[in-house]
C-alpha atoms as a PDB file:
ATOM      1  CA  MET A   1     -13.950 -22.421 -16.844  1.00  0.00           C
ATOM      2  CA  ARG A   2     -10.715 -21.004 -18.223  1.00  0.00           C
ATOM      3  CA  LYS A   3      -7.709 -21.085 -15.626  1.00  0.00           C
ATOM      4  CA  ALA A   4      -6.158 -17.562 -14.812  1.00  0.00           C
ATOM      5  CA  LYS A   5      -3.009 -17.090 -16.552  1.00  0.00           C
ATOM      6  CA  PRO A   6       0.243 -17.532 -14.016  1.00  0.00           C
ATOM      7  CA  GLY A   7       1.186 -14.291 -12.830  1.00  0.00           C
ATOM      8  CA  ARG A   8      -2.236 -12.720 -13.719  1.00  0.00           C
ATOM      9  CA  SER A   9      -2.977 -11.604  -9.699  1.00  0.00           C
ATOM     10  CA  THR A  10       0.405 -10.452  -9.358  1.00  0.00           C
ATOM     11  CA  ARG A  11      -0.049  -7.964 -12.202  1.00  0.00           C
ATOM     12  CA  ILE A  12      -3.448  -6.767 -11.237  1.00  0.00           C
ATOM     13  CA  ALA A  13      -2.314  -6.257  -7.556  1.00  0.00           C
ATOM     14  CA  ASP A  14       1.095  -4.460  -8.969  1.00  0.00           C
ATOM     15  CA  GLN A  15      -1.191  -2.415 -11.590  1.00  0.00           C
ATOM     16  CA  ILE A  16      -4.066  -1.340  -8.993  1.00  0.00           C
ATOM     17  CA  ALA A  17      -1.011  -0.251  -6.451  1.00  0.00           C
ATOM     18  CA  HIS A  18       0.432   1.788  -9.228  1.00  0.00           C
ATOM     19  CA  ASP A  19      -3.207   3.637  -9.831  1.00  0.00           C
ATOM     20  CA  ILE A  20      -3.437   4.094  -6.090  1.00  0.00           C
ATOM     21  CA  ALA A  21      -0.394   5.872  -5.604  1.00  0.00           C
ATOM     22  CA  GLU A  22      -1.590   8.014  -8.522  1.00  0.00           C
ATOM     23  CA  LEU A  23      -4.973   8.597  -7.196  1.00  0.00           C
ATOM     24  CA  ILE A  24      -4.174   9.277  -3.337  1.00  0.00           C
ATOM     25  CA  PRO A  25      -2.729  12.809  -3.955  1.00  0.00           C
ATOM     26  CA  LYS A  26      -4.974  13.809  -6.618  1.00  0.00           C
ATOM     27  CA  GLU A  27      -8.451  12.565  -5.356  1.00  0.00           C
ATOM     28  CA  VAL A  28      -8.222  12.475  -1.624  1.00  0.00           C
ATOM     29  CA  ARG A  29      -8.909  15.450   0.586  1.00  0.00           C
ATOM     30  CA  ASP A  30      -9.039  14.026   3.781  1.00  0.00           C
ATOM     31  CA  PRO A  31      -6.538  16.011   6.172  1.00  0.00           C
ATOM     32  CA  ARG A  32      -5.862  13.108   8.092  1.00  0.00           C
ATOM     33  CA  VAL A  33      -3.803  11.524   5.017  1.00  0.00           C
ATOM     34  CA  GLY A  34      -0.474  12.975   4.857  1.00  0.00           C
ATOM     35  CA  PHE A  35       2.162  12.386   2.008  1.00  0.00           C
ATOM     36  CA  VAL A  36       1.491   8.552   1.201  1.00  0.00           C
ATOM     37  CA  THR A  37       3.997   6.096  -0.441  1.00  0.00           C
ATOM     38  CA  VAL A  38       2.470   2.966  -1.647  1.00  0.00           C
ATOM     39  CA  THR A  39       4.645   0.103  -1.084  1.00  0.00           C
ATOM     40  CA  GLY A  40       2.630  -2.975  -2.130  1.00  0.00           C
ATOM     41  CA  CYS A  41      -0.795  -4.711  -2.974  1.00  0.00           C
ATOM     42  CA  GLU A  42      -1.518  -8.307  -2.193  1.00  0.00           C
ATOM     43  CA  ILE A  43      -5.112  -9.514  -3.646  1.00  0.00           C
ATOM     44  CA  THR A  44      -6.796 -12.412  -3.100  1.00  0.00           C
ATOM     45  CA  PRO A  45      -7.354 -15.285  -5.352  1.00  0.00           C
ATOM     46  CA  ASP A  46     -10.967 -14.401  -6.160  1.00  0.00           C
ATOM     47  CA  TYR A  47      -9.849 -10.788  -6.642  1.00  0.00           C
ATOM     48  CA  ALA A  48     -12.715  -9.805  -4.085  1.00  0.00           C
ATOM     49  CA  HIS A  49     -10.234  -8.124  -1.398  1.00  0.00           C
ATOM     50  CA  ALA A  50      -7.011  -6.064  -1.669  1.00  0.00           C
ATOM     51  CA  ASN A  51      -4.740  -5.007   0.764  1.00  0.00           C
ATOM     52  CA  ILE A  52      -2.816  -1.831   0.165  1.00  0.00           C
ATOM     53  CA  TYR A  53       0.236  -1.391   1.795  1.00  0.00           C
ATOM     54  CA  PHE A  54       1.745   2.271   2.738  1.00  0.00           C
ATOM     55  CA  THR A  55       3.720   4.323   4.633  1.00  0.00           C
ATOM     56  CA  VAL A  56       3.157   7.864   5.451  1.00  0.00           C
ATOM     57  CA  ILE A  57       4.901  11.427   6.028  1.00  0.00           C
ATOM     58  CA  GLY A  58       3.527  14.032   7.925  1.00  0.00           C
ATOM     59  CA  SER A  59       0.323  12.190   9.464  1.00  0.00           C
ATOM     60  CA  GLU A  60       0.141   9.662  12.238  1.00  0.00           C
ATOM     61  CA  PRO A  61      -0.055   6.328  10.417  1.00  0.00           C
ATOM     62  CA  GLU A  62      -3.200   5.258  12.161  1.00  0.00           C
ATOM     63  CA  ALA A  63      -4.946   8.421  11.721  1.00  0.00           C
ATOM     64  CA  CYS A  64      -3.702   8.305   7.731  1.00  0.00           C
ATOM     65  CA  ARG A  65      -5.181   4.616   7.382  1.00  0.00           C
ATOM     66  CA  GLU A  66      -8.809   5.548   8.831  1.00  0.00           C
ATOM     67  CA  GLY A  67      -8.599   8.332   6.458  1.00  0.00           C
ATOM     68  CA  LEU A  68      -7.551   5.957   3.323  1.00  0.00           C
ATOM     69  CA  ASN A  69      -9.884   3.522   4.721  1.00  0.00           C
ATOM     70  CA  ALA A  70     -12.892   6.166   4.595  1.00  0.00           C
ATOM     71  CA  ALA A  71     -12.015   7.261   1.004  1.00  0.00           C
ATOM     72  CA  ALA A  72     -11.658   3.375  -0.237  1.00  0.00           C
ATOM     73  CA  GLY A  73     -14.993   3.667  -1.639  1.00  0.00           C
ATOM     74  CA  MET A  74     -14.274   6.389  -3.882  1.00  0.00           C
ATOM     75  CA  LEU A  75     -10.813   4.996  -4.966  1.00  0.00           C
ATOM     76  CA  ARG A  76     -12.122   1.809  -5.881  1.00  0.00           C
ATOM     77  CA  SER A  77     -14.840   3.537  -8.041  1.00  0.00           C
ATOM     78  CA  LEU A  78     -12.011   5.362  -9.721  1.00  0.00           C
ATOM     79  CA  ILE A  79      -9.985   2.317 -10.275  1.00  0.00           C
ATOM     80  CA  PHE A  80     -12.918   0.358 -11.699  1.00  0.00           C
ATOM     81  CA  ARG A  81     -13.134   3.027 -14.663  1.00  0.00           C
ATOM     82  CA  GLN A  82      -9.489   2.455 -15.391  1.00  0.00           C
ATOM     83  CA  LEU A  83      -8.937  -1.527 -15.054  1.00  0.00           C
ATOM     84  CA  ARG A  84     -10.197  -3.873 -17.629  1.00  0.00           C
ATOM     85  CA  ILE A  85     -11.180  -6.738 -14.942  1.00  0.00           C
ATOM     86  CA  HIS A  86     -14.688  -8.126 -14.211  1.00  0.00           C
ATOM     87  CA  THR A  87     -14.236  -7.761 -10.173  1.00  0.00           C
ATOM     88  CA  VAL A  88     -12.632  -4.947  -8.818  1.00  0.00           C
ATOM     89  CA  PRO A  89     -11.505  -5.733  -5.225  1.00  0.00           C
ATOM     90  CA  THR A  90     -12.586  -3.741  -2.113  1.00  0.00           C
ATOM     91  CA  LEU A  91      -9.815  -1.796  -0.521  1.00  0.00           C
ATOM     92  CA  HIS A  92      -8.249  -1.946   2.534  1.00  0.00           C
ATOM     93  CA  PHE A  93      -5.322  -0.219   3.391  1.00  0.00           C
ATOM     94  CA  VAL A  94      -2.521  -1.416   5.904  1.00  0.00           C
ATOM     95  CA  TYR A  95       0.437   0.563   7.188  1.00  0.00           C
ATOM     96  CA  ASP A  96       3.464  -0.750   6.041  1.00  0.00           C
ATOM     97  CA  THR A  97       5.903  -1.507   9.117  1.00  0.00           C
ATOM     98  CA  SER A  98       8.785  -2.799   7.055  1.00  0.00           C
ATOM     99  CA  VAL A  99      10.269   0.624   6.689  1.00  0.00           C
ATOM    100  CA  ASP A 100      10.241   1.336  10.483  1.00  0.00           C
ATOM    101  CA  ARG A 101      11.755  -2.269  11.022  1.00  0.00           C
ATOM    102  CA  GLY A 102      14.770  -1.427   8.642  1.00  0.00           C
ATOM    103  CA  PHE A 103      15.482   2.005  10.426  1.00  0.00           C
ATOM    104  CA  ALA A 104      15.528  -0.052  13.508  1.00  0.00           C
ATOM    105  CA  MET A 105      17.711  -2.691  12.213  1.00  0.00           C
ATOM    106  CA  ASP A 106      19.936   0.069  10.673  1.00  0.00           C
ATOM    107  CA  LYS A 107      20.449   1.628  13.997  1.00  0.00           C
ATOM    108  CA  LEU A 108      21.292  -1.394  15.833  1.00  0.00           C
ATOM    109  CA  ILE A 109      24.006  -2.440  13.394  1.00  0.00           C
ATOM    110  CA  ALA A 110      25.424   1.198  14.023  1.00  0.00           C
ATOM    111  CA  GLU A 111      25.430   0.889  17.456  1.00  0.00           C
ATOM    112  CA  ALA A 112      27.149  -2.653  17.370  1.00  0.00           C
ATOM    113  CA  LEU A 113      29.732  -1.372  14.870  1.00  0.00           C
ATOM    114  CA  ASP A 114      30.257   1.400  17.182  1.00  0.00           C
ATOM    115  CA  GLN A 115      30.731  -0.628  20.147  1.00  0.00           C
ATOM    116  CA  ASN A 116      33.344  -2.645  18.142  1.00  0.00           C
ATOM    117  CA  PRO A 117      35.226  -0.290  15.988  1.00  0.00           C
ATOM    118  CA  GLY A 118      38.479  -2.857  15.262  1.00  0.00           C
ATOM    119  CA  LYS A 119      36.152  -5.190  13.829  1.00  0.00           C
END
């Protein structure tokens, strides 16, 4: 059995994230899904599962996640047509909290600077 090329799973994960980002606004008609931004993708070594990380505007994150996971099968079949790989992973959507944490950190830094203006 041949070994996979180094970085192949990273390239496939990036391609899946790119393709999903294009497909969601075109194909997903679920009202729970707002304006979604795909922030990343992690794929298992056997290519069986992929976690798609996203942020959303105009919808509650949990409701959006449910809507995206409901559409995951349809999105997977569309990805299957585009990718030239043997196994297309099962898609799992996960809300990315890093953006919220970044805004909270910015707010804390601004508050700290306001309390110590001379430093």
